[in-house]
Amino acid sequence: MQVRDFDYELPEHYIAKQPLEGRDSSRLLCLSGIGDEILDRQIRNLPDLVQPGDIWVLNDTKVIPARLVGQKESGGKAEVLLLEPAGTADVWHAWGKANKPLKPGTIITFSGSFYAEVLERNGKNIEVRLVSDDVPSAIETYGHMPLPPYINRPDTEADKSRYQTVFARHCGAVAAPTAGLHLTEELMVAMQAAGAIFVHVTLHVGPGTFEPVQVENLSEHVMHEEAYIVPDETAEIVNRARSEGRRVVAVGTTSLRTLEAAGQGGRLKAGADRTAIFISPGYHFQMVDALLTNFHLPGSTLIMLVAALAGRERVLSAYEHAKASGYRFYSYGDAMFVPHLSYP
């Protein structure tokens, strides 16, 4: 298949630049297992979609304020987007942005007591040493929330909580697992009352989730790599559910990728690992029966993943329905509930 097979037109006004006041105020487009039926619902209707004994899998990664904005010694502006630690708490893999490439030895100052030294550079990929009396505290104090580029506005104080799920636990992501942004504690309690069982995995979402596919033929695409953890309890509960024929519902594409990466062979394996799994039409799902997800960028690996679950034509038709019905798109936008539909 070709990348252009997953393109669609999306005028700027469909992109949600701000979150709604209430997390559970978003709309929910539901694909039905009956033909091509599309149902327009609200996120608050999620308890109605629960089947008793369902396992709903949440990604409990926590977004760090990974975007650091500072000045070079020359006075020029420079930005550092932290990706993940490079073995120690003060040395990080990162992306660098400045008017000229950031060379090794460059000092970028963020405050009087916090700066970074560039150690290595390979294109926009750099390695930096962060210098402060307390590096984690300095990142929290001076870092900005790494909002997706299509939001195209400065982050605000409100983004520190709204671009974060209510169940975020483990710091490490530079992008939110956005399907989880819709859930509130009250909504989850209502879902549990309907029979849902919540479990957690951790996949630290990297910026590669927003990177465009650089090749036209999907077979040539190399997926970005991310770290994940599957707790022992999660593996036990998911494996038991699958053996008993109960559904496993991934909340977000990152939860789905974790389950499928750790579930090769049809049994979920506990532990920590890394994955570059690329899921596109033709993929044989082994762990996941349904997905809660947001609407994704044209030609992205995420819309390809959704198409693998429900069929390309059906997904693109649903996106056209969403546009015609005024749904809001992308990270701060509305959501879809997608069952695994095996026909095209």
C-alpha atoms as a PDB file:
ATOM      1  CA  MET A   1       0.000   0.000   0.000  1.00  0.00           C
ATOM      2  CA  GLN A   2       1.015   3.626  -0.516  1.00  0.00           C
ATOM      3  CA  VAL A   3       1.026   6.507   1.966  1.00  0.00           C
ATOM      4  CA  ARG A   4      -1.370   8.410  -0.303  1.00  0.00           C
ATOM      5  CA  ASP A   5      -3.938   5.657   0.290  1.00  0.00           C
ATOM      6  CA  PHE A   6      -4.384   7.149   3.782  1.00  0.00           C
ATOM      7  CA  ASP A   7      -4.622  10.814   2.844  1.00  0.00           C
ATOM      8  CA  TYR A   8      -7.688  12.963   3.434  1.00  0.00           C
ATOM      9  CA  GLU A   9      -8.298  16.698   3.357  1.00  0.00           C
ATOM     10  CA  LEU A  10      -8.585  18.502   6.682  1.00  0.00           C
ATOM     11  CA  PRO A  11      -9.044  22.282   6.717  1.00  0.00           C
ATOM     12  CA  GLU A  12      -7.347  24.053   9.628  1.00  0.00           C
ATOM     13  CA  HIS A  13     -10.583  24.878  11.452  1.00  0.00           C
ATOM     14  CA  TYR A  14     -11.210  21.203  12.279  1.00  0.00           C
ATOM     15  CA  ILE A  15      -8.040  21.001  14.395  1.00  0.00           C
ATOM     16  CA  ALA A  16      -8.720  21.406  18.129  1.00  0.00           C
ATOM     17  CA  LYS A  17      -6.280  24.024  19.430  1.00  0.00           C
ATOM     18  CA  GLN A  18      -7.717  24.049  22.958  1.00  0.00           C
ATOM     19  CA  PRO A  19      -9.198  21.292  25.131  1.00  0.00           C
ATOM     20  CA  LEU A  20     -12.861  21.408  26.058  1.00  0.00           C
ATOM     21  CA  GLU A  21     -13.631  22.547  29.589  1.00  0.00           C
ATOM     22  CA  GLY A  22     -14.669  19.060  30.668  1.00  0.00           C
ATOM     23  CA  ARG A  23     -12.561  16.011  29.782  1.00  0.00           C
ATOM     24  CA  ASP A  24     -15.681  13.916  29.287  1.00  0.00           C
ATOM     25  CA  SER A  25     -17.433  16.553  27.142  1.00  0.00           C
ATOM     26  CA  SER A  26     -15.958  15.271  23.883  1.00  0.00           C
ATOM     27  CA  ARG A  27     -17.976  13.522  21.219  1.00  0.00           C
ATOM     28  CA  LEU A  28     -17.528   9.839  20.423  1.00  0.00           C
ATOM     29  CA  LEU A  29     -17.900   8.362  16.947  1.00  0.00           C
ATOM     30  CA  CYS A  30     -18.632   4.649  17.180  1.00  0.00           C
ATOM     31  CA  LEU A  31     -18.026   2.208  14.367  1.00  0.00           C
ATOM     32  CA  SER A  32     -20.530  -0.611  14.515  1.00  0.00           C
ATOM     33  CA  GLY A  33     -19.949  -4.267  13.800  1.00  0.00           C
ATOM     34  CA  ILE A  34     -23.090  -4.144  11.670  1.00  0.00           C
ATOM     35  CA  GLY A  35     -22.155  -3.155   8.112  1.00  0.00           C
ATOM     36  CA  ASP A  36     -20.885   0.399   7.796  1.00  0.00           C
ATOM     37  CA  GLU A  37     -23.117   1.871  10.505  1.00  0.00           C
ATOM     38  CA  ILE A  38     -21.728   4.918  12.316  1.00  0.00           C
ATOM     39  CA  LEU A  39     -23.152   6.068  15.632  1.00  0.00           C
ATOM     40  CA  ASP A  40     -22.679   9.560  17.058  1.00  0.00           C
ATOM     41  CA  ARG A  41     -22.324   9.453  20.827  1.00  0.00           C
ATOM     42  CA  GLN A  42     -20.581  11.256  23.684  1.00  0.00           C
ATOM     43  CA  ILE A  43     -17.579  10.151  25.709  1.00  0.00           C
ATOM     44  CA  ARG A  44     -19.975  10.045  28.660  1.00  0.00           C
ATOM     45  CA  ASN A  45     -21.692   7.121  26.865  1.00  0.00           C
ATOM     46  CA  LEU A  46     -18.634   4.873  27.267  1.00  0.00           C
ATOM     47  CA  PRO A  47     -20.268   2.816  30.056  1.00  0.00           C
ATOM     48  CA  ASP A  48     -22.911   1.787  27.491  1.00  0.00           C
ATOM     49  CA  LEU A  49     -20.167   0.274  25.330  1.00  0.00           C
ATOM     50  CA  VAL A  50     -18.722  -1.832  28.121  1.00  0.00           C
ATOM     51  CA  GLN A  51     -19.287  -5.569  28.027  1.00  0.00           C
ATOM     52  CA  PRO A  52     -19.052  -7.201  31.481  1.00  0.00           C
ATOM     53  CA  GLY A  53     -15.553  -8.544  31.981  1.00  0.00           C
ATOM     54  CA  ASP A  54     -13.938  -6.234  29.406  1.00  0.00           C
ATOM     55  CA  ILE A  55     -10.299  -5.409  30.036  1.00  0.00           C
ATOM     56  CA  TRP A  56      -9.598  -1.729  29.277  1.00  0.00           C
ATOM     57  CA  VAL A  57      -5.855  -1.106  28.994  1.00  0.00           C
ATOM     58  CA  LEU A  58      -4.532   2.356  29.920  1.00  0.00           C
ATOM     59  CA  ASN A  59      -1.119   3.832  29.170  1.00  0.00           C
ATOM     60  CA  ASP A  60      -0.029   5.458  32.436  1.00  0.00           C
ATOM     61  CA  THR A  61       2.987   7.317  31.058  1.00  0.00           C
ATOM     62  CA  LYS A  62       3.369  10.916  32.231  1.00  0.00           C
ATOM     63  CA  VAL A  63       4.332  13.772  29.918  1.00  0.00           C
ATOM     64  CA  ILE A  64       7.362  15.722  31.051  1.00  0.00           C
ATOM     65  CA  PRO A  65       7.794  19.456  30.293  1.00  0.00           C
ATOM     66  CA  ALA A  66      10.420  18.408  27.764  1.00  0.00           C
ATOM     67  CA  ARG A  67      10.688  21.585  25.669  1.00  0.00           C
ATOM     68  CA  LEU A  68      13.477  23.826  26.952  1.00  0.00           C
ATOM     69  CA  VAL A  69      13.879  27.276  25.415  1.00  0.00           C
ATOM     70  CA  GLY A  70      17.122  29.170  25.985  1.00  0.00           C
ATOM     71  CA  GLN A  71      19.948  31.243  24.572  1.00  0.00           C
ATOM     72  CA  LYS A  72      23.322  30.355  23.140  1.00  0.00           C
ATOM     73  CA  GLU A  73      26.390  32.251  24.314  1.00  0.00           C
ATOM     74  CA  SER A  74      26.181  34.201  21.045  1.00  0.00           C
ATOM     75  CA  GLY A  75      22.737  35.448  22.095  1.00  0.00           C
ATOM     76  CA  GLY A  76      20.827  33.403  19.536  1.00  0.00           C
ATOM     77  CA  LYS A  77      17.713  31.485  20.539  1.00  0.00           C
ATOM     78  CA  ALA A  78      17.904  27.700  20.832  1.00  0.00           C
ATOM     79  CA  GLU A  79      15.458  24.987  21.787  1.00  0.00           C
ATOM     80  CA  VAL A  80      16.058  21.528  23.180  1.00  0.00           C
ATOM     81  CA  LEU A  81      13.374  18.840  23.156  1.00  0.00           C
ATOM     82  CA  LEU A  82      14.324  16.155  25.662  1.00  0.00           C
ATOM     83  CA  LEU A  83      13.607  12.633  24.431  1.00  0.00           C
ATOM     84  CA  GLU A  84      14.941  10.197  27.015  1.00  0.00           C
ATOM     85  CA  PRO A  85      17.866   9.860  29.449  1.00  0.00           C
ATOM     86  CA  ALA A  86      21.086   8.560  27.919  1.00  0.00           C
ATOM     87  CA  GLY A  87      22.041   6.396  30.869  1.00  0.00           C
ATOM     88  CA  THR A  88      22.170   9.060  33.604  1.00  0.00           C
ATOM     89  CA  ALA A  89      19.757  11.644  34.990  1.00  0.00           C
ATOM     90  CA  ASP A  90      21.730  14.593  33.584  1.00  0.00           C
ATOM     91  CA  VAL A  91      22.630  13.319  30.080  1.00  0.00           C
ATOM     92  CA  TRP A  92      19.762  13.149  27.590  1.00  0.00           C
ATOM     93  CA  HIS A  93      19.066  12.240  24.004  1.00  0.00           C
ATOM     94  CA  ALA A  94      17.286  15.241  22.506  1.00  0.00           C
ATOM     95  CA  TRP A  95      16.324  17.175  19.405  1.00  0.00           C
ATOM     96  CA  GLY A  96      17.955  20.537  18.899  1.00  0.00           C
ATOM     97  CA  LYS A  97      16.626  23.594  17.076  1.00  0.00           C
ATOM     98  CA  ALA A  98      18.483  26.850  16.388  1.00  0.00           C
ATOM     99  CA  ASN A  99      19.278  29.199  13.515  1.00  0.00           C
ATOM    100  CA  LYS A 100      22.478  27.178  12.967  1.00  0.00           C
ATOM    101  CA  PRO A 101      23.201  23.512  13.798  1.00  0.00           C
ATOM    102  CA  LEU A 102      24.054  23.031  17.463  1.00  0.00           C
ATOM    103  CA  LYS A 103      27.686  21.920  17.562  1.00  0.00           C
ATOM    104  CA  PRO A 104      29.310  19.907  20.372  1.00  0.00           C
ATOM    105  CA  GLY A 105      30.482  22.295  23.076  1.00  0.00           C
ATOM    106  CA  THR A 106      27.601  24.745  22.579  1.00  0.00           C
ATOM    107  CA  ILE A 107      26.160  26.034  25.849  1.00  0.00           C
ATOM    108  CA  ILE A 108      22.429  26.817  26.002  1.00  0.00           C
ATOM    109  CA  THR A 109      21.295  28.741  29.070  1.00  0.00           C
ATOM    110  CA  PHE A 110      17.735  28.391  30.351  1.00  0.00           C
ATOM    111  CA  SER A 111      18.132  30.311  33.621  1.00  0.00           C
ATOM    112  CA  GLY A 112      20.872  31.619  35.874  1.00  0.00           C
ATOM    113  CA  SER A 113      21.234  28.174  37.427  1.00  0.00           C
ATOM    114  CA  PHE A 114      20.249  25.827  34.605  1.00  0.00           C
ATOM    115  CA  TYR A 115      21.972  25.217  31.282  1.00  0.00           C
ATOM    116  CA  ALA A 116      22.758  22.485  28.770  1.00  0.00           C
ATOM    117  CA  GLU A 117      26.003  21.543  27.056  1.00  0.00           C
ATOM    118  CA  VAL A 118      25.770  19.857  23.663  1.00  0.00           C
ATOM    119  CA  LEU A 119      27.925  16.719  23.720  1.00  0.00           C
ATOM    120  CA  GLU A 120      27.159  15.169  20.316  1.00  0.00           C
ATOM    121  CA  ARG A 121      25.170  16.002  17.201  1.00  0.00           C
ATOM    122  CA  ASN A 122      23.776  13.938  14.338  1.00  0.00           C
ATOM    123  CA  GLY A 123      21.407  16.105  12.300  1.00  0.00           C
ATOM    124  CA  LYS A 124      18.706  17.356  14.644  1.00  0.00           C
ATOM    125  CA  ASN A 125      19.531  14.534  17.077  1.00  0.00           C
ATOM    126  CA  ILE A 126      21.804  15.725  19.864  1.00  0.00           C
ATOM    127  CA  GLU A 127      23.042  14.536  23.216  1.00  0.00           C
ATOM    128  CA  VAL A 128      23.123  17.114  25.991  1.00  0.00           C
ATOM    129  CA  ARG A 129      24.353  17.316  29.543  1.00  0.00           C
ATOM    130  CA  LEU A 130      21.939  19.243  31.758  1.00  0.00           C
ATOM    131  CA  VAL A 131      23.616  21.223  34.539  1.00  0.00           C
ATOM    132  CA  SER A 132      21.734  22.304  37.673  1.00  0.00           C
ATOM    133  CA  ASP A 133      21.772  21.644  41.398  1.00  0.00           C
ATOM    134  CA  ASP A 134      18.604  19.588  40.877  1.00  0.00           C
ATOM    135  CA  VAL A 135      18.066  18.582  37.237  1.00  0.00           C
ATOM    136  CA  PRO A 136      14.572  17.021  37.595  1.00  0.00           C
ATOM    137  CA  SER A 137      13.330  20.063  39.507  1.00  0.00           C
ATOM    138  CA  ALA A 138      14.871  22.421  36.939  1.00  0.00           C
ATOM    139  CA  ILE A 139      13.128  20.605  34.086  1.00  0.00           C
ATOM    140  CA  GLU A 140       9.802  20.945  35.913  1.00  0.00           C
ATOM    141  CA  THR A 141      10.419  24.625  36.631  1.00  0.00           C
ATOM    142  CA  TYR A 142      11.745  25.822  33.276  1.00  0.00           C
ATOM    143  CA  GLY A 143      10.416  23.242  30.828  1.00  0.00           C
ATOM    144  CA  HIS A 144       7.373  23.756  28.605  1.00  0.00           C
ATOM    145  CA  MET A 145       4.759  21.150  27.790  1.00  0.00           C
ATOM    146  CA  PRO A 146       5.639  19.713  24.346  1.00  0.00           C
ATOM    147  CA  LEU A 147       2.351  20.385  22.601  1.00  0.00           C
ATOM    148  CA  PRO A 148       2.040  18.842  19.113  1.00  0.00           C
ATOM    149  CA  PRO A 149       3.235  21.151  16.315  1.00  0.00           C
ATOM    150  CA  TYR A 150      -0.236  21.386  14.741  1.00  0.00           C
ATOM    151  CA  ILE A 151      -1.648  23.083  17.860  1.00  0.00           C
ATOM    152  CA  ASN A 152       0.615  25.970  16.869  1.00  0.00           C
ATOM    153  CA  ARG A 153       0.410  28.110  19.996  1.00  0.00           C
ATOM    154  CA  PRO A 154       2.511  28.595  23.141  1.00  0.00           C
ATOM    155  CA  ASP A 155       1.721  26.228  25.989  1.00  0.00           C
ATOM    156  CA  THR A 156      -0.164  27.623  28.966  1.00  0.00           C
ATOM    157  CA  GLU A 157      -0.399  26.800  32.640  1.00  0.00           C
ATOM    158  CA  ALA A 158      -3.630  24.898  31.914  1.00  0.00           C
ATOM    159  CA  ASP A 159      -1.808  22.564  29.520  1.00  0.00           C
ATOM    160  CA  LYS A 160       0.259  21.188  32.417  1.00  0.00           C
ATOM    161  CA  SER A 161      -2.830  19.364  33.648  1.00  0.00           C
ATOM    162  CA  ARG A 162      -4.966  19.027  30.504  1.00  0.00           C
ATOM    163  CA  TYR A 163      -2.211  17.567  28.319  1.00  0.00           C
ATOM    164  CA  GLN A 164      -1.933  14.801  30.899  1.00  0.00           C
ATOM    165  CA  THR A 165      -4.217  11.883  31.736  1.00  0.00           C
ATOM    166  CA  VAL A 166      -5.749  11.631  35.205  1.00  0.00           C
ATOM    167  CA  PHE A 167      -4.009   8.252  35.631  1.00  0.00           C
ATOM    168  CA  ALA A 168      -0.511   9.389  34.540  1.00  0.00           C
ATOM    169  CA  ARG A 169       2.094   7.875  36.867  1.00  0.00           C
ATOM    170  CA  HIS A 170       5.490   7.290  35.256  1.00  0.00           C
ATOM    171  CA  CYS A 171       7.416  10.251  33.816  1.00  0.00           C
ATOM    172  CA  GLY A 172       8.968   9.819  30.405  1.00  0.00           C
ATOM    173  CA  ALA A 173       6.626  10.790  27.543  1.00  0.00           C
ATOM    174  CA  VAL A 174       7.067  13.795  25.271  1.00  0.00           C
ATOM    175  CA  ALA A 175       3.553  13.403  23.859  1.00  0.00           C
ATOM    176  CA  ALA A 176       0.334  12.465  25.638  1.00  0.00           C
ATOM    177  CA  PRO A 177      -1.522   9.209  25.024  1.00  0.00           C
ATOM    178  CA  THR A 178      -4.412  11.343  23.858  1.00  0.00           C
ATOM    179  CA  ALA A 179      -7.317   8.875  23.960  1.00  0.00           C
ATOM    180  CA  GLY A 180      -6.815   8.733  27.714  1.00  0.00           C
ATOM    181  CA  LEU A 181      -7.251  12.504  28.033  1.00  0.00           C
ATOM    182  CA  HIS A 182     -11.026  12.009  27.793  1.00  0.00           C
ATOM    183  CA  LEU A 183     -11.331   9.832  30.890  1.00  0.00           C
ATOM    184  CA  THR A 184     -12.228  11.192  34.305  1.00  0.00           C
ATOM    185  CA  GLU A 185     -12.206   9.346  37.609  1.00  0.00           C
ATOM    186  CA  GLU A 186     -16.012   9.560  37.723  1.00  0.00           C
ATOM    187  CA  LEU A 187     -16.380   8.148  34.210  1.00  0.00           C
ATOM    188  CA  MET A 188     -14.015   5.289  35.008  1.00  0.00           C
ATOM    189  CA  VAL A 189     -16.031   4.446  38.115  1.00  0.00           C
ATOM    190  CA  ALA A 190     -19.184   4.307  35.965  1.00  0.00           C
ATOM    191  CA  MET A 191     -17.400   2.048  33.478  1.00  0.00           C
ATOM    192  CA  GLN A 192     -16.290  -0.242  36.291  1.00  0.00           C
ATOM    193  CA  ALA A 193     -19.882  -0.417  37.501  1.00  0.00           C
ATOM    194  CA  ALA A 194     -20.807  -1.585  33.979  1.00  0.00           C
ATOM    195  CA  GLY A 195     -18.216  -4.366  34.197  1.00  0.00           C
ATOM    196  CA  ALA A 196     -14.965  -2.841  32.918  1.00  0.00           C
ATOM    197  CA  ILE A 197     -11.666  -3.917  34.465  1.00  0.00           C
ATOM    198  CA  PHE A 198      -8.849  -1.364  34.116  1.00  0.00           C
ATOM    199  CA  VAL A 199      -5.199  -2.370  33.874  1.00  0.00           C
ATOM    200  CA  HIS A 200      -2.087  -0.377  33.016  1.00  0.00           C
ATOM    201  CA  VAL A 201       0.891  -0.550  30.710  1.00  0.00           C
ATOM    202  CA  THR A 202       3.548   2.128  30.259  1.00  0.00           C
ATOM    203  CA  LEU A 203       4.815   3.268  26.871  1.00  0.00           C
ATOM    204  CA  HIS A 204       6.772   6.501  26.876  1.00  0.00           C
ATOM    205  CA  VAL A 205       5.448   8.241  23.782  1.00  0.00           C
ATOM    206  CA  GLY A 206       8.185   9.797  21.661  1.00  0.00           C
ATOM    207  CA  PRO A 207       8.028  12.679  19.171  1.00  0.00           C
ATOM    208  CA  GLY A 208       8.247  10.196  16.316  1.00  0.00           C
ATOM    209  CA  THR A 209       4.492   9.803  16.658  1.00  0.00           C
ATOM    210  CA  PHE A 210       4.176  13.184  14.870  1.00  0.00           C
ATOM    211  CA  GLU A 211       6.875  12.555  12.246  1.00  0.00           C
ATOM    212  CA  PRO A 212       5.594  12.209   8.681  1.00  0.00           C
ATOM    213  CA  VAL A 213       6.209   8.982   6.809  1.00  0.00           C
ATOM    214  CA  GLN A 214       9.136   9.729   4.500  1.00  0.00           C
ATOM    215  CA  VAL A 215       8.599   6.912   1.976  1.00  0.00           C
ATOM    216  CA  GLU A 216       5.698   6.269  -0.370  1.00  0.00           C
ATOM    217  CA  ASN A 217       5.634   2.472  -0.127  1.00  0.00           C
ATOM    218  CA  LEU A 218       4.595   1.327   3.367  1.00  0.00           C
ATOM    219  CA  SER A 219       6.818  -1.745   3.181  1.00  0.00           C
ATOM    220  CA  GLU A 220       9.842   0.583   3.262  1.00  0.00           C
ATOM    221  CA  HIS A 221       8.839   2.557   6.351  1.00  0.00           C
ATOM    222  CA  VAL A 222      11.017   2.237   9.461  1.00  0.00           C
ATOM    223  CA  MET A 223       9.042   2.944  12.629  1.00  0.00           C
ATOM    224  CA  HIS A 224      10.431   4.980  15.530  1.00  0.00           C
ATOM    225  CA  GLU A 225      11.334   3.038  18.679  1.00  0.00           C
ATOM    226  CA  GLU A 226       9.820   3.528  22.137  1.00  0.00           C
ATOM    227  CA  ALA A 227      10.319   1.970  25.566  1.00  0.00           C
ATOM    228  CA  TYR A 228       7.479   0.118  27.300  1.00  0.00           C
ATOM    229  CA  ILE A 229       6.695  -1.865  30.438  1.00  0.00           C
ATOM    230  CA  VAL A 230       3.997  -4.507  30.938  1.00  0.00           C
ATOM    231  CA  PRO A 231       3.411  -5.202  34.669  1.00  0.00           C
ATOM    232  CA  ASP A 232       3.049  -8.805  35.825  1.00  0.00           C
ATOM    233  CA  GLU A 233      -0.515  -8.176  37.008  1.00  0.00           C
ATOM    234  CA  THR A 234      -1.539  -6.721  33.641  1.00  0.00           C
ATOM    235  CA  ALA A 235      -0.142  -9.699  31.752  1.00  0.00           C
ATOM    236  CA  GLU A 236      -1.927 -12.127  34.068  1.00  0.00           C
ATOM    237  CA  ILE A 237      -5.297 -10.360  33.803  1.00  0.00           C
ATOM    238  CA  VAL A 238      -5.126  -9.903  30.019  1.00  0.00           C
ATOM    239  CA  ASN A 239      -4.055 -13.493  29.374  1.00  0.00           C
ATOM    240  CA  ARG A 240      -6.855 -14.819  31.575  1.00  0.00           C
ATOM    241  CA  ALA A 241      -9.414 -12.661  29.769  1.00  0.00           C
ATOM    242  CA  ARG A 242      -8.274 -13.849  26.369  1.00  0.00           C
ATOM    243  CA  SER A 243      -8.413 -17.486  27.433  1.00  0.00           C
ATOM    244  CA  GLU A 244     -11.993 -16.873  28.631  1.00  0.00           C
ATOM    245  CA  GLY A 245     -13.061 -15.083  25.445  1.00  0.00           C
ATOM    246  CA  ARG A 246     -13.471 -11.660  27.040  1.00  0.00           C
ATOM    247  CA  ARG A 247     -12.604  -8.470  25.138  1.00  0.00           C
ATOM    248  CA  VAL A 248      -9.366  -6.542  25.475  1.00  0.00           C
ATOM    249  CA  VAL A 249      -9.901  -2.847  24.682  1.00  0.00           C
ATOM    250  CA  ALA A 250      -6.864  -0.619  24.139  1.00  0.00           C
ATOM    251  CA  VAL A 251      -7.287   2.981  25.293  1.00  0.00           C
ATOM    252  CA  GLY A 252      -5.128   4.673  22.676  1.00  0.00           C
ATOM    253  CA  THR A 253      -2.793   3.544  19.938  1.00  0.00           C
ATOM    254  CA  THR A 254       0.150   3.459  22.370  1.00  0.00           C
ATOM    255  CA  SER A 255      -1.615   0.929  24.592  1.00  0.00           C
ATOM    256  CA  LEU A 256      -2.448  -1.091  21.482  1.00  0.00           C
ATOM    257  CA  ARG A 257       1.140  -1.050  20.214  1.00  0.00           C
ATOM    258  CA  THR A 258       2.383  -2.143  23.632  1.00  0.00           C
ATOM    259  CA  LEU A 259      -0.057  -5.044  23.807  1.00  0.00           C
ATOM    260  CA  GLU A 260       0.702  -6.234  20.297  1.00  0.00           C
ATOM    261  CA  ALA A 261       4.477  -5.845  20.708  1.00  0.00           C
ATOM    262  CA  ALA A 262       4.480  -7.800  23.973  1.00  0.00           C
ATOM    263  CA  GLY A 263       1.834 -10.263  22.786  1.00  0.00           C
ATOM    264  CA  GLN A 264       3.499 -11.870  19.799  1.00  0.00           C
ATOM    265  CA  GLY A 265       2.536 -15.522  19.898  1.00  0.00           C
ATOM    266  CA  GLY A 266      -0.871 -14.741  21.403  1.00  0.00           C
ATOM    267  CA  ARG A 267       0.189 -14.454  25.029  1.00  0.00           C
ATOM    268  CA  LEU A 268       1.081 -11.177  26.730  1.00  0.00           C
ATOM    269  CA  LYS A 269       4.593 -11.168  28.150  1.00  0.00           C
ATOM    270  CA  ALA A 270       5.353  -9.097  31.238  1.00  0.00           C
ATOM    271  CA  GLY A 271       8.498  -7.001  31.525  1.00  0.00           C
ATOM    272  CA  ALA A 272      10.344  -4.036  30.039  1.00  0.00           C
ATOM    273  CA  ASP A 273      11.408  -3.800  26.410  1.00  0.00           C
ATOM    274  CA  ARG A 274      11.464  -1.496  23.390  1.00  0.00           C
ATOM    275  CA  THR A 275       9.301  -1.658  20.294  1.00  0.00           C
ATOM    276  CA  ALA A 276       9.307  -0.304  16.763  1.00  0.00           C
ATOM    277  CA  ILE A 277       6.198  -2.250  15.776  1.00  0.00           C
ATOM    278  CA  PHE A 278       4.469  -0.840  12.679  1.00  0.00           C
ATOM    279  CA  ILE A 279       0.819  -1.834  12.342  1.00  0.00           C
ATOM    280  CA  SER A 280      -0.858  -1.299   8.987  1.00  0.00           C
ATOM    281  CA  PRO A 281      -3.597  -3.059   6.982  1.00  0.00           C
ATOM    282  CA  GLY A 282      -2.884  -6.759   6.692  1.00  0.00           C
ATOM    283  CA  TYR A 283      -1.560  -6.997  10.251  1.00  0.00           C
ATOM    284  CA  HIS A 284      -2.900  -9.965  12.253  1.00  0.00           C
ATOM    285  CA  PHE A 285      -4.021  -8.738  15.684  1.00  0.00           C
ATOM    286  CA  GLN A 286      -3.198 -11.105  18.519  1.00  0.00           C
ATOM    287  CA  MET A 287      -4.204  -9.229  21.667  1.00  0.00           C
ATOM    288  CA  VAL A 288      -6.641  -6.383  20.982  1.00  0.00           C
ATOM    289  CA  ASP A 289     -10.363  -6.581  20.204  1.00  0.00           C
ATOM    290  CA  ALA A 290     -11.263  -2.876  20.180  1.00  0.00           C
ATOM    291  CA  LEU A 291      -9.689   0.566  20.400  1.00  0.00           C
ATOM    292  CA  LEU A 292     -10.584   3.962  21.835  1.00  0.00           C
ATOM    293  CA  THR A 293      -8.648   6.582  19.888  1.00  0.00           C
ATOM    294  CA  ASN A 294      -8.663  10.157  18.638  1.00  0.00           C
ATOM    295  CA  PHE A 295      -8.680  11.274  14.986  1.00  0.00           C
ATOM    296  CA  HIS A 296      -5.233  11.188  13.391  1.00  0.00           C
ATOM    297  CA  LEU A 297      -3.186  13.074  10.804  1.00  0.00           C
ATOM    298  CA  PRO A 298      -3.527  12.217   7.102  1.00  0.00           C
ATOM    299  CA  GLY A 299      -0.940   9.705   5.925  1.00  0.00           C
ATOM    300  CA  SER A 300       0.248   9.002   9.482  1.00  0.00           C
ATOM    301  CA  THR A 301       1.192   5.641  10.953  1.00  0.00           C
ATOM    302  CA  LEU A 302      -1.636   6.126  13.450  1.00  0.00           C
ATOM    303  CA  ILE A 303      -4.419   6.290  10.867  1.00  0.00           C
ATOM    304  CA  MET A 304      -2.808   3.247   9.245  1.00  0.00           C
ATOM    305  CA  LEU A 305      -3.037   1.413  12.568  1.00  0.00           C
ATOM    306  CA  VAL A 306      -6.744   2.241  12.902  1.00  0.00           C
ATOM    307  CA  ALA A 307      -7.287   1.117   9.306  1.00  0.00           C
ATOM    308  CA  ALA A 308      -5.601  -2.189  10.102  1.00  0.00           C
ATOM    309  CA  LEU A 309      -8.193  -2.740  12.817  1.00  0.00           C
ATOM    310  CA  ALA A 310     -11.337  -1.664  10.963  1.00  0.00           C
ATOM    311  CA  GLY A 311     -10.506  -1.442   7.248  1.00  0.00           C
ATOM    312  CA  ARG A 312      -9.116   1.500   5.282  1.00  0.00           C
ATOM    313  CA  GLU A 313     -12.279   2.435   3.381  1.00  0.00           C
ATOM    314  CA  ARG A 314     -14.433   2.226   6.492  1.00  0.00           C
ATOM    315  CA  VAL A 315     -12.057   4.424   8.499  1.00  0.00           C
ATOM    316  CA  LEU A 316     -11.716   7.061   5.781  1.00  0.00           C
ATOM    317  CA  SER A 317     -15.504   7.085   5.383  1.00  0.00           C
ATOM    318  CA  ALA A 318     -15.843   7.587   9.153  1.00  0.00           C
ATOM    319  CA  TYR A 319     -13.412  10.522   8.976  1.00  0.00           C
ATOM    320  CA  GLU A 320     -15.529  12.142   6.258  1.00  0.00           C
ATOM    321  CA  HIS A 321     -18.605  11.629   8.443  1.00  0.00           C
ATOM    322  CA  ALA A 322     -16.732  13.229  11.347  1.00  0.00           C
ATOM    323  CA  LYS A 323     -15.859  16.299   9.279  1.00  0.00           C
ATOM    324  CA  ALA A 324     -19.419  16.662   7.993  1.00  0.00           C
ATOM    325  CA  SER A 325     -20.704  16.355  11.574  1.00  0.00           C
ATOM    326  CA  GLY A 326     -18.323  18.924  13.043  1.00  0.00           C
ATOM    327  CA  TYR A 327     -16.081  16.655  15.108  1.00  0.00           C
ATOM    328  CA  ARG A 328     -12.852  18.128  16.487  1.00  0.00           C
ATOM    329  CA  PHE A 329      -9.592  16.500  15.334  1.00  0.00           C
ATOM    330  CA  TYR A 330      -6.227  15.481  16.801  1.00  0.00           C
ATOM    331  CA  SER A 331      -4.825  15.544  20.347  1.00  0.00           C
ATOM    332  CA  TYR A 332      -7.346  17.882  21.990  1.00  0.00           C
ATOM    333  CA  GLY A 333     -10.170  16.688  19.750  1.00  0.00           C
ATOM    334  CA  ASP A 334     -12.944  14.099  19.853  1.00  0.00           C
ATOM    335  CA  ALA A 335     -12.677  10.312  19.887  1.00  0.00           C
ATOM    336  CA  MET A 336     -13.623   7.114  18.050  1.00  0.00           C
ATOM    337  CA  PHE A 337     -14.513   3.677  19.349  1.00  0.00           C
ATOM    338  CA  VAL A 338     -13.240   1.094  16.871  1.00  0.00           C
ATOM    339  CA  PRO A 339     -13.995  -2.631  17.176  1.00  0.00           C
ATOM    340  CA  HIS A 340     -11.844  -5.102  15.273  1.00  0.00           C
ATOM    341  CA  LEU A 341     -13.695  -5.585  11.995  1.00  0.00           C
ATOM    342  CA  SER A 342     -12.161  -8.271   9.833  1.00  0.00           C
ATOM    343  CA  TYR A 343     -13.873  -7.407   6.563  1.00  0.00           C
ATOM    344  CA  PRO A 344     -12.427  -4.614   4.331  1.00  0.00           C
END
